[in-house]
Protein backbone atom coordinates (compact mmCIF):
# COMPACT_ATOMS: atom_id res chain seq x y z
CA MET A 1 57.87 -106.66 11.28
CA ILE A 2 57.90 -106.50 15.24
CA VAL A 3 60.28 -104.06 16.64
CA ILE A 4 62.12 -105.65 19.33
CA ASN A 5 62.32 -103.48 22.46
CA GLN A 6 61.59 -104.11 26.28
CA PHE A 7 57.83 -103.02 26.09
CA ASN A 8 56.74 -105.80 23.91
CA GLY A 9 58.46 -108.77 25.71
CA TYR A 10 61.72 -108.92 23.77
CA ALA A 11 64.96 -108.09 25.20
CA PRO A 12 67.75 -106.18 23.02
CA ASP A 13 69.21 -109.30 21.79
CA GLY A 14 65.95 -110.63 20.38
CA ARG A 15 65.34 -113.06 23.15
CA ARG A 16 61.72 -113.57 24.35
CA LEU A 17 61.59 -112.21 27.94
CA TYR A 18 60.33 -114.78 30.63
CA PHE A 19 57.75 -112.63 32.04
CA LYS A 20 55.92 -111.69 28.77
CA GLY A 21 52.26 -112.57 29.27
CA GLY A 22 52.57 -112.94 33.19
CA SER A 23 50.06 -110.16 34.04
CA SER A 24 47.50 -112.00 31.66
CA SER A 25 48.00 -115.37 33.35
CA LYS A 26 47.35 -113.80 36.81
CA GLU A 27 44.14 -112.19 35.36
CA ALA A 28 43.05 -115.61 33.98
CA THR A 29 43.80 -117.14 37.48
CA ARG A 30 41.76 -114.50 39.32
CA LEU A 31 38.77 -115.00 37.00
CA GLU A 32 38.88 -118.62 37.38
CA GLN A 33 39.03 -118.19 41.29
CA GLU A 34 36.01 -115.99 41.19
CA ARG A 35 34.29 -118.41 38.90
CA GLN A 36 34.76 -121.33 41.28
CA ALA A 37 33.73 -118.97 44.12
CA ARG A 38 30.43 -118.40 42.44
CA VAL A 39 29.87 -121.92 41.56
CA GLN A 40 30.56 -123.07 45.21
CA ALA A 41 28.26 -120.31 46.43
CA ALA A 42 25.30 -121.75 44.15
CA VAL A 43 26.30 -125.42 45.16
CA ASP A 44 25.97 -124.52 48.68
CA ALA A 45 22.66 -122.54 48.28
CA ILE A 46 21.39 -125.84 46.45
CA ASN A 47 22.65 -128.01 49.46
CA ALA A 48 21.12 -125.86 52.04
CA ILE A 49 17.77 -126.09 50.45
CA PHE A 50 17.77 -129.98 49.93
CA ASP A 51 19.47 -130.69 53.08
CA PRO A 52 18.89 -127.83 55.58
CA GLN A 53 21.12 -127.75 58.62
CA PRO A 54 20.42 -126.49 62.21
CA TYR A 55 21.33 -122.60 62.61
CA THR A 56 21.37 -120.22 65.56
CA THR A 57 18.97 -117.31 65.71
CA VAL A 58 17.80 -114.91 68.40
CA ASP A 59 15.39 -116.41 71.05
CA LYS A 60 12.22 -114.40 70.57
CA ASN A 61 11.41 -115.02 74.15
CA SER A 62 14.44 -113.38 75.76
CA VAL A 63 13.41 -109.72 74.65
CA VAL A 64 14.94 -107.22 77.11
CA THR A 65 12.52 -105.23 79.00
CA GLY A 66 14.37 -104.10 82.00
CA GLY A 67 17.72 -102.05 82.38
CA TYR A 68 20.95 -102.57 80.08
CA ASP A 69 23.92 -103.89 81.43
CA PRO A 70 27.04 -102.82 79.50
CA SER A 71 28.91 -106.14 80.61
CA GLN A 72 26.28 -108.50 78.89
CA THR A 73 26.14 -109.45 75.48
CA TYR A 74 22.98 -108.71 73.71
CA TYR A 75 21.36 -109.61 70.25
CA LEU A 76 19.39 -108.00 67.48
CA ALA A 77 16.26 -109.64 65.73
CA ASP A 78 18.46 -111.14 62.92
CA GLY A 79 20.74 -112.90 65.56
CA SER A 80 23.50 -110.34 65.13
CA VAL A 81 25.51 -109.10 68.39
CA PHE A 82 24.33 -105.78 69.41
CA ASP A 83 27.05 -103.22 69.18
CA PRO A 84 26.31 -100.43 71.88
CA MET A 85 29.32 -98.31 70.69
CA SER A 86 29.21 -95.50 68.26
CA THR A 87 32.03 -93.40 66.83
CA ARG A 88 32.46 -89.64 66.63
CA THR A 89 35.15 -87.16 65.39
CA GLU A 90 36.85 -84.99 68.06
CA ILE A 91 39.83 -82.48 67.83
CA LYS A 92 43.11 -83.69 69.55
CA ARG A 93 45.34 -80.96 70.85
CA THR A 94 48.88 -81.69 71.03
CA HIS A 95 51.74 -79.37 72.35
CA HIS A 96 55.03 -79.60 70.73
CA TRP A 97 58.09 -78.57 72.82
CA GLY A 98 60.76 -76.84 70.98
CA SER A 99 64.53 -77.66 71.20
CA GLY A 100 65.84 -74.09 71.49
CA ALA A 101 67.96 -72.94 74.54
CA LYS A 102 65.43 -70.36 75.71
CA PRO A 103 62.32 -71.61 77.50
CA PHE A 104 59.54 -72.16 75.32
CA GLU A 105 61.63 -71.51 72.22
CA GLY A 106 59.93 -73.50 69.22
CA ARG A 107 57.08 -74.48 71.04
CA TYR A 108 53.86 -74.88 68.96
CA THR A 109 50.46 -76.85 69.27
CA THR A 110 48.62 -79.01 66.49
CA TYR A 111 44.93 -79.69 66.32
CA ASP A 112 44.32 -83.03 64.52
CA PRO A 113 40.76 -84.63 63.96
CA VAL A 114 40.63 -88.03 65.60
CA THR A 115 37.94 -90.80 65.64
CA VAL A 116 36.92 -91.97 69.01
CA SER A 117 34.32 -94.63 70.30
CA TYR A 118 31.92 -94.22 73.10
CA LEU A 119 28.84 -95.97 74.65
CA ASP A 120 26.03 -94.79 72.76
CA TRP A 121 22.97 -94.45 74.99
CA ASP A 122 20.81 -93.13 72.36
CA LYS A 123 21.05 -96.35 70.13
CA ILE A 124 20.68 -98.61 73.40
CA ASN A 125 17.48 -96.55 74.36
CA ASN A 126 16.14 -96.83 70.73
CA VAL A 127 16.43 -100.56 70.56
CA LEU A 128 15.21 -100.95 74.06
CA ASN A 129 12.06 -98.82 73.48
CA SER A 130 11.29 -100.74 70.13
CA GLY A 131 11.46 -104.20 71.77
CA SER A 132 14.14 -105.38 69.36
CA LEU A 133 16.96 -106.16 71.84
CA TYR A 134 17.33 -109.83 73.12
CA SER A 135 19.41 -111.37 75.66
CA GLY A 136 19.88 -114.91 74.16
CA LEU A 137 19.94 -117.16 71.30
CA THR A 138 18.46 -120.59 70.26
CA THR A 139 19.32 -123.21 67.85
CA VAL A 140 16.53 -123.96 65.06
CA THR A 141 16.41 -127.62 63.38
CA PRO A 142 14.48 -127.01 60.30
CA ASP A 143 12.30 -129.91 59.17
CA SER A 144 14.61 -132.06 56.94
CA ARG A 145 13.28 -133.79 53.68
CA GLU A 146 13.35 -137.07 55.85
CA LYS A 147 10.22 -135.94 57.34
CA LEU A 148 8.44 -135.76 54.10
CA TYR A 149 9.90 -139.30 53.07
CA GLU A 150 8.27 -140.79 56.42
CA GLU A 151 5.03 -138.91 55.87
CA GLN A 152 5.06 -140.32 52.47
CA GLN A 153 5.68 -143.86 53.44
CA GLN A 154 3.09 -143.68 56.25
CA ALA A 155 0.36 -142.26 53.95
CA ILE A 156 0.75 -144.93 51.15
CA TYR A 157 0.99 -147.65 53.78
CA ASP A 158 -2.19 -146.41 55.35
CA LEU A 159 -3.99 -145.99 52.25
CA ASN A 160 -3.24 -149.40 51.08
CA ALA A 161 -3.55 -151.18 54.55
CA LYS A 162 -7.10 -149.58 54.76
CA GLU A 163 -7.84 -151.26 51.38
CA VAL A 164 -6.49 -154.49 52.68
CA ASN A 165 -8.71 -154.41 55.71
CA ASP A 166 -11.68 -153.36 53.78
CA GLN A 167 -11.25 -156.22 51.27
CA TYR A 168 -10.91 -158.68 54.32
CA ALA A 169 -13.99 -157.20 55.85
CA ASP A 170 -16.00 -158.16 52.72
CA ALA A 171 -14.38 -161.53 52.20
CA GLU A 172 -14.87 -162.47 55.69
CA ARG A 173 -18.69 -161.43 55.65
CA ALA A 174 -19.24 -163.43 52.59
CA ASN A 175 -17.22 -166.31 53.91
CA ARG A 176 -19.48 -166.31 56.97
CA PHE A 177 -22.83 -165.96 55.26
CA ALA A 178 -21.72 -168.98 52.99
CA LEU A 179 -20.75 -171.08 55.88
CA ALA A 180 -23.97 -170.36 57.78
CA ARG A 181 -26.17 -171.24 54.70
CA ASN A 182 -24.33 -174.42 54.43
CA GLY A 183 -24.38 -175.16 58.30
CA LEU A 184 -20.73 -175.08 58.51
CA LEU A 185 -20.18 -172.36 61.20
CA GLY A 186 -18.08 -173.55 64.19
CA GLY A 187 -16.46 -176.55 62.18
CA SER A 188 -13.22 -177.11 60.78
CA SER A 189 -14.21 -175.39 57.49
CA ASP A 190 -15.11 -172.33 59.52
CA ILE A 191 -11.72 -172.38 61.13
CA GLU A 192 -9.65 -173.15 58.06
CA SER A 193 -11.34 -170.74 55.82
CA ASN A 194 -10.86 -167.86 58.31
CA ALA A 195 -7.41 -168.81 58.93
CA ARG A 196 -6.71 -168.69 55.03
CA LEU A 197 -8.50 -165.06 55.04
CA GLN A 198 -6.31 -163.88 57.88
CA GLU A 199 -3.05 -165.18 56.17
CA LYS A 200 -3.93 -163.25 52.92
CA THR A 201 -4.72 -160.12 55.00
CA ASN A 202 -1.26 -160.31 56.58
CA GLU A 203 0.23 -160.67 53.22
CA GLY A 204 -1.64 -157.65 51.89
CA LEU A 205 -0.50 -155.73 55.00
CA ILE A 206 3.23 -156.71 54.16
CA GLN A 207 2.50 -155.75 50.63
CA ALA A 208 1.12 -152.13 51.90
CA GLN A 209 4.27 -151.74 53.90
CA ALA A 210 6.58 -152.33 50.86
CA LEU A 211 4.40 -149.98 48.71
CA GLY A 212 4.92 -147.29 51.22
CA GLN A 213 8.68 -147.98 51.37
CA GLN A 214 8.99 -147.80 47.61
CA ALA A 215 7.12 -144.51 47.64
CA ALA A 216 9.40 -143.06 49.90
CA SER A 217 12.36 -144.47 47.93
CA ASP A 218 10.89 -142.83 44.67
CA LEU A 219 10.37 -139.38 46.13
CA ARG A 220 14.19 -139.60 47.68
CA THR A 221 15.55 -140.80 44.57
CA ALA A 222 13.58 -137.85 42.60
CA ASP A 223 14.97 -135.32 45.09
CA GLU A 224 18.59 -136.68 44.48
CA GLN A 225 18.18 -136.44 40.75
CA SER A 226 16.93 -132.91 40.98
CA LYS A 227 19.65 -131.86 43.29
CA GLN A 228 22.65 -133.49 41.07
CA SER A 229 20.74 -131.71 38.07
CA LEU A 230 20.78 -128.36 39.85
CA ILE A 231 24.29 -128.65 40.69
CA ALA A 232 25.55 -129.38 37.18
CA MET A 233 23.51 -126.25 36.33
CA ALA A 234 25.29 -124.40 38.93
CA GLN A 235 28.74 -125.49 37.67
CA SER A 236 27.57 -124.17 34.21
CA GLY A 237 27.09 -120.70 35.54
CA ILE A 238 23.73 -120.01 37.10
CA ASP A 239 24.00 -117.57 39.95
CA THR A 240 23.16 -118.36 43.55
CA GLY A 241 19.68 -116.52 43.56
CA THR A 242 18.54 -118.75 40.57
CA ALA A 243 19.74 -121.82 41.91
CA GLN A 244 17.87 -121.17 45.19
CA GLN A 245 14.78 -120.36 43.38
CA MET A 246 14.90 -123.41 41.14
CA ALA A 247 15.84 -125.81 44.13
CA GLN A 248 12.66 -124.71 46.01
CA ALA A 249 10.61 -125.04 42.90
CA GLN A 250 11.96 -128.52 42.18
CA LEU A 251 11.45 -129.48 45.72
CA ASN A 252 7.80 -128.42 45.59
CA ALA A 253 7.17 -130.23 42.35
CA ASN A 254 8.38 -133.43 43.67
CA ALA A 255 6.36 -133.07 46.64
CA GLN A 256 3.37 -132.38 44.73
CA SER A 257 4.07 -135.56 42.66
CA ALA A 258 4.20 -137.36 45.62
CA LEU A 259 0.96 -136.23 46.98
CA GLY A 260 -0.66 -137.19 43.90
CA GLN A 261 0.19 -140.79 44.67
CA ARG A 262 -1.94 -140.78 47.65
CA GLY A 263 -5.01 -140.56 45.70
CA GLY A 264 -5.68 -144.23 45.25
CA ALA A 265 -4.72 -147.55 46.76
CA THR A 266 -2.61 -149.94 44.56
CA ILE A 267 -2.71 -153.15 46.46
CA GLY A 268 -5.07 -154.74 43.89
CA ASN A 269 -7.75 -157.41 44.77
CA LEU A 270 -6.11 -159.73 47.32
CA PHE A 271 -8.80 -162.26 47.83
CA ASP A 272 -10.33 -162.81 44.40
CA ASN A 273 -13.36 -164.73 45.82
CA LEU A 274 -10.65 -166.83 47.83
CA SER A 275 -13.31 -167.33 50.62
CA GLN A 276 -15.97 -168.80 48.11
CA ALA A 277 -13.32 -171.08 46.44
CA TYR A 278 -12.16 -172.18 49.69
CA LEU A 279 -15.62 -172.82 50.99
CA THR A 280 -16.83 -174.45 47.58
CA ARG A 281 -13.80 -177.00 48.19
CA GLN A 282 -14.51 -177.53 51.99
CA ILE A 283 -18.10 -178.39 51.01
CA MET A 284 -17.36 -180.61 48.33
CA ASN A 285 -14.96 -182.59 50.40
CA ALA A 286 -17.28 -182.79 53.38
CA THR A 287 -20.12 -184.06 51.08
CA GLN A 288 -17.79 -186.54 49.39
CA ASN A 289 -16.57 -187.84 52.79
CA GLY A 290 -20.07 -188.21 54.03
CA TYR A 291 -21.21 -190.02 50.83
CA ASN A 292 -18.28 -192.50 51.31
CA LEU A 293 -18.75 -193.07 55.04
CA TYR A 294 -22.53 -193.87 54.84
CA ASN A 295 -22.69 -195.47 51.39
CA ASN A 296 -25.32 -193.07 50.43
CA ASN A 297 -25.98 -193.29 46.79
CA TYR A 298 -27.28 -189.93 45.76
CA GLY A 299 -27.55 -189.56 42.07
CA ASN A 300 -27.85 -185.99 41.95
CA LEU A 301 -24.38 -185.40 43.91
CA SER A 302 -21.31 -184.66 41.80
CA THR A 303 -17.95 -183.31 42.95
CA ASN A 304 -17.96 -180.92 40.03
CA LYS A 305 -20.89 -178.92 41.72
CA THR A 306 -19.79 -175.41 42.37
CA TYR A 307 -20.97 -173.00 45.25
CA GLN A 308 -23.40 -170.34 43.72
CA GLY A 309 -24.05 -168.08 46.87
CA SER A 310 -22.10 -165.26 47.81
């Protein structure tokens, strides 16, 4: 049985008071606001690591070596403004005049401690002598993740472009030797076969560029997925310090994975004996044309003949 009184949320007539439970609601609101603040701090820490922004810090080249000018603003090594002032407690003496008819009647004096500020030359000399006082600031722009994306794209392109050029060199050499053995250097077969080799090389370089772009895109996607995963964890309650550590660890892991992709070219075999196949066809065409032109009946000539050299 509930005894109705003003202390348990009921009026004398038994009606529930409007404000009953109000303090608990305020406490819940306060706790929720604190939780949201912690979540936002963790999210901000994650964003700062994944997408660092320019910041202002002390210019290390502006260390003060001369005198101190009280009218100028100076900075400490952490970029904060140097405060040359200090405080001390002094006793303030106050005379109180009485209101009596006779002179000095009711007069008395009080002594009260007061805090005063003063220019602290000991503090100033300490920072000057230690070389930790600076006269200027500078803006630092951290290397963004974009730089790594660009490096990944270029590295993958360079790797595969080298493979393309190496394959071209091998194919061109094989094609040249075959043309020479068959007396076709300098002719139309020479021109057309080399044009075809160059065409395949250009196609390979375009593929190498696409592979580089895809590698950069894959790394960007991995970073974004990691970031969103960590933000979800931050909203679930991880603290700022843990969020920072996990964000940095995940970025490093993604970067190492990207570096692993630079271990070998993935362009594949571009030419597949293209030069030999082309040369064989040209030799057969030339031979057949000569046969038809001069009506030379060579019984051992066949259009099914294949080139055996390399």
